[in-house]
Protein backbone atom coordinates (compact mmCIF):
# COMPACT_ATOMS: atom_id res chain seq x y z
CA MET A 1 4.75 -1.39 10.28
CA ALA A 2 6.77 -3.37 6.95
CA LEU A 3 6.60 -0.83 3.96
CA GLN A 4 6.49 -4.22 1.68
CA ASP A 5 3.22 -5.01 3.84
CA THR A 6 1.80 -2.44 3.03
CA LEU A 7 2.09 -2.28 -0.34
CA LYS A 8 1.15 -5.78 -1.08
CA ALA A 9 -2.36 -4.61 0.54
CA ILE A 10 -2.57 -1.98 -1.06
CA SER A 11 -1.81 -3.53 -4.40
CA ASP A 12 -4.91 -5.96 -4.59
CA PRO A 13 -8.43 -4.70 -5.61
CA VAL A 14 -10.31 -5.95 -3.47
CA ARG A 15 -8.79 -5.38 -0.42
CA ARG A 16 -8.49 -1.44 -2.14
CA GLU A 17 -12.55 -1.36 -1.48
CA ILE A 18 -11.96 -2.85 1.79
CA LEU A 19 -9.97 -0.09 2.63
CA ALA A 20 -12.88 2.55 0.87
CA MET A 21 -15.28 0.60 2.38
CA LEU A 22 -13.71 1.43 5.62
CA LYS A 23 -13.25 5.33 5.46
CA ASP A 24 -17.04 6.04 5.86
CA GLY A 25 -16.36 4.49 9.54
CA ARG A 26 -16.18 0.96 11.48
CA LYS A 27 -17.56 -1.93 9.44
CA ALA A 28 -18.31 -5.68 10.83
CA ALA A 29 -17.14 -8.88 9.41
CA GLY A 30 -19.83 -9.10 8.15
CA GLU A 31 -20.73 -6.50 5.91
CA ILE A 32 -17.69 -5.95 4.73
CA ALA A 33 -18.13 -10.04 3.03
CA GLU A 34 -22.07 -9.19 1.75
CA LYS A 35 -20.84 -6.29 -0.39
CA PHE A 36 -18.43 -9.49 -2.22
CA ASP A 37 -18.95 -12.33 -4.15
CA MET A 38 -16.62 -14.16 -2.63
CA THR A 39 -16.37 -16.96 0.41
CA PHE A 40 -15.73 -15.50 3.59
CA ALA A 41 -13.32 -17.48 4.14
CA THR A 42 -11.68 -15.74 1.03
CA VAL A 43 -12.78 -11.99 2.35
CA SER A 44 -11.06 -13.22 6.20
CA TYR A 45 -8.00 -13.21 3.88
CA HIS A 46 -8.13 -10.22 2.72
CA LEU A 47 -8.80 -8.64 6.00
CA LYS A 48 -5.99 -10.56 7.52
CA LEU A 49 -3.52 -8.71 5.16
CA LEU A 50 -4.59 -5.81 5.90
CA LYS A 51 -4.36 -6.76 9.60
CA LYS A 52 -0.50 -7.25 8.96
CA ALA A 53 0.52 -3.55 6.64
CA GLU A 54 -1.89 -2.37 10.35
CA LEU A 55 -3.44 -0.87 7.30
CA ILE A 56 -7.03 -1.94 9.49
CA ASP A 57 -7.55 -2.23 13.49
CA GLU A 58 -10.07 -5.05 14.70
CA CYS A 59 -12.13 -4.94 18.11
CA ARG A 60 -14.24 -7.17 18.94
CA GLU A 61 -17.19 -6.89 21.00
CA LYS A 62 -19.59 -9.60 22.15
CA ASN A 63 -20.22 -12.00 19.10
CA PHE A 64 -18.84 -9.93 15.78
CA ILE A 65 -15.56 -8.25 15.23
CA TYR A 66 -15.64 -5.22 13.04
CA TYR A 67 -13.26 -3.21 11.69
CA SER A 68 -11.42 0.50 11.01
CA LEU A 69 -8.80 1.98 9.29
CA ASN A 70 -6.31 2.47 11.28
CA THR A 71 -4.93 6.68 9.76
CA SER A 72 -1.51 6.98 11.20
CA VAL A 73 -0.65 4.35 8.46
CA PHE A 74 -1.78 5.99 5.72
CA GLU A 75 -0.50 9.25 6.92
CA GLU A 76 3.13 7.90 6.95
CA ILE A 77 2.82 6.38 3.65
CA MET A 78 2.24 9.47 1.75
CA VAL A 79 4.94 11.16 4.12
CA TRP A 80 7.14 8.51 2.47
CA ALA A 81 5.83 8.94 -1.60
CA ALA A 82 6.34 12.65 -0.65
CA GLY A 83 10.06 12.33 -0.63
CA PHE A 84 9.55 11.80 -4.35
CA MET A 85 8.34 14.71 -5.04
CA LYS A 86 10.09 16.99 -7.13
CA THR A 87 10.44 20.60 -6.28
CA THR A 88 9.52 23.47 -8.07
CA ALA A 89 10.79 26.51 -8.19
CA LYS A 90 8.71 28.39 -6.26
CA ASP A 91 9.85 25.83 -3.87
CA GLU A 92 13.53 26.60 -3.83
CA PRO A 93 15.19 29.66 -1.89
CA GLU A 94 16.61 33.02 -4.56
CA GLU A 95 19.88 32.55 -5.23
CA ASN A 96 20.82 35.71 -4.16
CA GLY A 97 19.79 34.46 -0.92
CA GLU A 98 16.38 37.30 -0.92
CA SER A 99 13.29 36.44 -0.83
CA GLU A 100 10.92 39.04 -1.78
CA ILE A 101 7.72 39.58 0.28
CA LYS A 102 4.62 41.08 -1.30
């Protein structure tokens, strides 16, 4: 996963809405497209960027293409973002080396 591709993909509100739609399970490309007031080609472009960022997976069945979330990429993003969290006093070891057990 290229973090730059991932951040670019989730920066767009349409793509975030597509991701939210896929939280409930896989959806056919047509199901996704019908929720938006834009051409199928435009929706296809958004799906392409989400695939490039590996945020979604594609599965072809007969004449349909189904999309689903790739949750492992979301886990990687969360781990990366967690690295910026400031630790609190309760997370830091006590200075005297002793910990209080209750």
